[in-house]
Amino acid sequence: MKNLFKVAQPKELLELGLKKKIVIIFIVFIVLIFSVVFFIIIPTVKDIVDIKDEIEYQRVDLEKKYIKGQNIKKISEKLKEIESRIDLLDNVFVNSDESLGFIMLLENQAGGSGINQKINLLPPEESNNFYKKTPLQLFTQGDFINQLKYLISLEKLEKYINIKSLEISRGAIKNPSPEEAGAGGDNFNMFILADTYWK
């Protein structure tokens, strides 16, 4: 009868309890690892990826702003350069209220070059710009050297005269004065068609 109701020995109970403990500890360890991975590591990795994306967006945005800032800086520097030349540009145009002064300027150039000149200002062309293009016809008579001096003086004027066409022809023979005799007193006619710009 003793064999029928054999009671487990304490060593066997201890081994059975140790196996269960090991299994329970292993299961708890696995659950803890999955909990740490699921509740801590995965959300942290997701946050890191989000932060990385935000940093990349901020970097690209800052790069665009930097380039835009550099462009604004370059434009500002160029504007300062241009501002110093605005007076020069203003002098290129003839003021509408200074037409007599412009004609006198042309007369002075002709007189200084020793030629005779006829000036014909044609009506201005219609323009949507802040200036009007006004055709100018000049007819001059004088010896060839003086005609060249006149052309050079026109080129040096502050007012912009855009010569579109130029015709030179031999004029009528004249009796040279003593001053002109040594300079070749042949008479030449010159016809200039040009544009002037008025504001």
Protein backbone atom coordinates (compact mmCIF):
# COMPACT_ATOMS: atom_id res chain seq x y z
CA MET A 1 0.00 0.00 0.00
CA LYS A 2 2.84 2.18 0.56
CA ASN A 3 3.60 1.86 -3.13
CA LEU A 4 0.14 2.95 -4.19
CA PHE A 5 0.24 6.20 -2.38
CA LYS A 6 3.76 7.11 -3.02
CA VAL A 7 4.36 10.72 -2.01
CA ALA A 8 6.68 12.81 -4.13
CA GLN A 9 9.98 13.44 -2.59
CA PRO A 10 11.04 17.01 -1.88
CA LYS A 11 13.83 16.81 -4.49
CA GLU A 12 11.34 15.98 -7.24
CA LEU A 13 9.08 18.82 -6.11
CA LEU A 14 12.06 21.11 -6.19
CA GLU A 15 12.98 20.07 -9.75
CA LEU A 16 9.39 20.46 -10.92
CA GLY A 17 9.16 23.90 -9.31
CA LEU A 18 12.51 24.92 -10.79
CA LYS A 19 11.41 23.93 -14.31
CA LYS A 20 8.19 25.89 -13.89
CA LYS A 21 10.12 28.83 -12.53
CA ILE A 22 12.52 28.75 -15.48
CA VAL A 23 9.62 28.57 -17.94
CA ILE A 24 7.78 31.38 -16.13
CA ILE A 25 10.94 33.51 -15.98
CA PHE A 26 11.58 32.85 -19.67
CA ILE A 27 7.98 33.78 -20.57
CA VAL A 28 8.16 36.92 -18.39
CA PHE A 29 11.52 37.81 -19.98
CA ILE A 30 10.09 37.39 -23.52
CA VAL A 31 7.01 39.46 -22.58
CA LEU A 32 9.27 42.15 -21.10
CA ILE A 33 11.44 42.21 -24.25
CA PHE A 34 8.36 42.47 -26.49
CA SER A 35 6.91 45.16 -24.22
CA VAL A 36 10.15 47.16 -24.33
CA VAL A 37 10.36 46.77 -28.12
CA PHE A 38 6.67 47.54 -28.69
CA PHE A 39 6.19 50.37 -26.16
CA ILE A 40 9.64 52.00 -26.07
CA ILE A 41 11.90 51.14 -29.02
CA ILE A 42 9.33 51.28 -31.87
CA PRO A 43 7.85 54.66 -30.76
CA THR A 44 11.37 56.02 -30.20
CA VAL A 45 12.49 54.91 -33.69
CA LYS A 46 9.33 56.48 -35.15
CA ASP A 47 10.07 59.75 -33.30
CA ILE A 48 13.68 59.68 -34.52
CA VAL A 49 12.51 59.21 -38.13
CA ASP A 50 10.02 62.08 -37.72
CA ILE A 51 12.72 64.30 -36.22
CA LYS A 52 15.10 63.36 -39.07
CA ASP A 53 12.42 64.28 -41.64
CA GLU A 54 11.76 67.60 -39.87
CA ILE A 55 15.49 68.38 -39.74
CA GLU A 56 15.80 67.62 -43.47
CA TYR A 57 12.80 69.87 -44.22
CA GLN A 58 14.32 72.66 -42.10
CA ARG A 59 17.70 72.22 -43.83
CA VAL A 60 16.14 72.49 -47.31
CA ASP A 61 14.06 75.49 -46.19
CA LEU A 62 17.12 77.21 -44.71
CA GLU A 63 19.10 76.51 -47.89
CA LYS A 64 16.35 78.11 -49.98
CA LYS A 65 16.23 81.12 -47.66
CA TYR A 66 20.02 81.40 -47.78
CA ILE A 67 20.03 81.35 -51.59
CA LYS A 68 17.20 83.89 -51.65
CA GLY A 69 19.12 86.04 -49.17
CA GLN A 70 22.25 85.84 -51.32
CA ASN A 71 20.22 86.84 -54.39
CA ILE A 72 18.72 89.78 -52.50
CA LYS A 73 22.20 90.79 -51.37
CA LYS A 74 23.54 90.64 -54.94
CA ILE A 75 20.55 92.59 -56.25
CA SER A 76 21.03 95.18 -53.52
CA GLU A 77 24.73 95.56 -54.42
CA LYS A 78 23.90 95.90 -58.11
CA LEU A 79 21.18 98.44 -57.31
CA LYS A 80 23.72 100.53 -55.40
CA GLU A 81 26.04 100.36 -58.42
CA ILE A 82 23.23 101.42 -60.73
CA GLU A 83 22.08 104.24 -58.44
CA SER A 84 25.47 105.87 -58.82
CA ARG A 85 24.99 105.83 -62.60
CA ILE A 86 21.41 107.14 -62.69
CA ASP A 87 22.60 110.72 -63.16
CA LEU A 88 24.67 109.57 -66.13
CA LEU A 89 21.59 107.87 -67.57
CA ASP A 90 19.49 111.00 -66.98
CA ASN A 91 22.03 113.04 -68.96
CA VAL A 92 21.63 110.70 -71.95
CA PHE A 93 18.03 111.81 -72.47
CA VAL A 94 17.04 115.24 -73.74
CA ASN A 95 14.50 116.99 -71.54
CA SER A 96 11.37 118.05 -73.43
CA ASP A 97 11.62 121.59 -72.08
CA GLU A 98 15.25 121.91 -73.25
CA SER A 99 14.75 121.52 -77.01
CA LEU A 100 16.29 124.95 -77.72
CA GLY A 101 19.30 124.05 -75.58
CA PHE A 102 19.72 120.78 -77.52
CA ILE A 103 19.63 122.61 -80.87
CA MET A 104 22.16 125.13 -79.57
CA LEU A 105 24.38 122.25 -78.45
CA LEU A 106 24.31 120.82 -81.98
CA GLU A 107 25.03 124.29 -83.45
CA ASN A 108 28.02 124.68 -81.11
CA GLN A 109 29.39 121.30 -82.26
CA ALA A 110 29.06 122.34 -85.90
CA GLY A 111 30.61 125.76 -85.27
CA GLY A 112 33.48 124.24 -83.29
CA SER A 113 34.17 121.81 -86.13
CA GLY A 114 34.06 124.54 -88.82
CA ILE A 115 31.07 123.26 -90.80
CA ASN A 116 27.63 124.59 -91.76
CA GLN A 117 24.64 122.63 -90.59
CA LYS A 118 20.87 122.42 -91.02
CA ILE A 119 18.87 120.68 -88.27
CA ASN A 120 15.47 119.08 -88.74
CA LEU A 121 13.74 117.56 -85.68
CA LEU A 122 10.87 115.32 -86.76
CA PRO A 123 7.80 114.64 -84.60
CA PRO A 124 8.40 112.05 -81.87
CA GLU A 125 7.26 108.47 -82.36
CA GLU A 126 4.60 107.13 -80.01
CA SER A 127 6.12 105.19 -77.16
CA ASN A 128 4.83 103.38 -74.08
CA ASN A 129 8.16 103.82 -72.34
CA PHE A 130 9.21 106.69 -70.13
CA TYR A 131 11.05 108.24 -73.09
CA LYS A 132 10.08 109.27 -76.62
CA LYS A 133 12.20 108.47 -79.63
CA THR A 134 12.51 111.57 -81.81
CA PRO A 135 14.06 111.30 -85.28
CA LEU A 136 16.71 113.89 -86.14
CA GLN A 137 17.99 114.90 -89.59
CA LEU A 138 21.28 116.76 -89.92
CA PHE A 139 22.59 118.18 -93.16
CA THR A 140 26.16 119.50 -93.00
CA GLN A 141 28.59 121.10 -95.44
CA GLY A 142 32.33 121.47 -95.01
CA ASP A 143 35.65 119.89 -95.83
CA PHE A 144 36.18 116.19 -95.08
CA ILE A 145 38.45 116.64 -92.02
CA ASN A 146 35.98 119.05 -90.41
CA GLN A 147 33.10 116.64 -91.13
CA LEU A 148 35.05 113.91 -89.28
CA LYS A 149 35.69 116.29 -86.37
CA TYR A 150 31.95 116.97 -86.25
CA LEU A 151 31.13 113.26 -86.15
CA ILE A 152 33.64 112.75 -83.33
CA SER A 153 32.12 115.66 -81.38
CA LEU A 154 28.63 114.12 -81.81
CA GLU A 155 29.98 110.84 -80.47
CA LYS A 156 31.36 112.57 -77.37
CA LEU A 157 28.09 114.33 -76.48
CA GLU A 158 26.42 113.36 -73.21
CA LYS A 159 23.08 113.22 -75.02
CA TYR A 160 22.59 109.93 -76.80
CA ILE A 161 22.29 110.25 -80.58
CA ASN A 162 21.84 106.93 -82.36
CA ILE A 163 22.96 107.40 -85.97
CA LYS A 164 20.91 105.14 -88.23
CA SER A 165 22.30 106.24 -91.58
CA LEU A 166 25.06 108.52 -92.84
CA GLU A 167 25.69 109.67 -96.40
CA ILE A 168 28.72 111.67 -97.54
CA SER A 169 28.96 113.14 -101.01
CA ARG A 170 31.28 115.58 -102.70
CA GLY A 171 29.73 119.02 -102.77
CA ALA A 172 30.20 121.95 -105.09
CA ILE A 173 33.78 123.17 -105.45
CA LYS A 174 34.37 126.30 -103.43
CA ASN A 175 37.14 128.85 -103.43
CA PRO A 176 39.20 128.05 -100.38
CA SER A 177 40.09 130.78 -97.97
CA PRO A 178 43.80 131.11 -97.11
CA GLU A 179 43.26 129.05 -93.90
CA GLU A 180 41.50 126.24 -95.77
CA ALA A 181 43.91 126.15 -98.71
CA GLY A 182 46.45 124.04 -96.85
CA ALA A 183 43.80 121.74 -95.36
CA GLY A 184 42.29 120.64 -98.65
CA GLY A 185 39.36 122.92 -99.33
CA ASP A 186 37.12 120.39 -101.09
CA ASN A 187 33.53 120.72 -99.99
CA PHE A 188 31.61 117.63 -98.79
CA ASN A 189 27.95 117.24 -97.94
CA MET A 190 26.90 114.91 -95.16
CA PHE A 191 23.37 113.74 -94.38
CA ILE A 192 22.75 112.07 -91.02
CA LEU A 193 19.53 110.36 -89.99
CA ALA A 194 19.53 109.62 -86.27
CA ASP A 195 17.29 108.95 -83.29
CA THR A 196 17.36 111.02 -80.14
CA TYR A 197 15.66 110.11 -76.88
CA TRP A 198 13.52 112.62 -74.99
CA LYS A 199 11.86 112.44 -71.60
